[in-house]
C-alpha cells in the first residue's frame, strides 16, 4: 500500500456500510489485523477515528465492501504521512482555555439505527482528546442524539 495513490479523505461521505451485502473477505484475519493497526493509528491521527470506528463494527463478519473501506483509509494515510498532531505552548498572556466540540449523526447505522457520536477536546491550542463511537441506545430524534453526544463530552471533560 506504500505506493498506492493517496486519497483526499479517509471515507466517502455518502458511504453506508452494512452487515448485509457483498461476499465475505477471503482472509478475515488479515482484515482484523489491519483494522487493529488502524485503531492504534488513531492515537495520533484523530481524523480517521470515525472511519476506523465504522469498519470496526464489522470485525466478526467482514465483507468485500468493508475491505474496500479499509483500503481507502490506508490509501488516505499513505497520502498524508506528513500529517500528525502539533503540540504548542499556550499563549502566556491569555488564560488557559478548555474547549470541547461534539456532534452526532442521527440513526445512521443501517443495521440497528443507532447514532454515532464524536467529540474533541482542546486545552489551549492543543487537541488532547477525541473519540468517535456508536451510541448505546437508539435515539428517537436528532436532538436526543445530539444531547447524548453532549452528555458524553461533558463526562469526558469532567
Foldseek 3Di string as FASTA:
>chain_A
DLPDAADPALADPPDADAPDDAAFDPDLVVVVVLLVVVVVVCVWVVRCQQLSQVLVVCSVTHHPVSVVSSVNNVSNCSVPVVDTFDDDDADPVDDWDKDKDKAKDALRHPPQRWIKMKMWIDTHNGTDDIHIHTDPDHDPDRVRRGVVNVVVVVVVVD
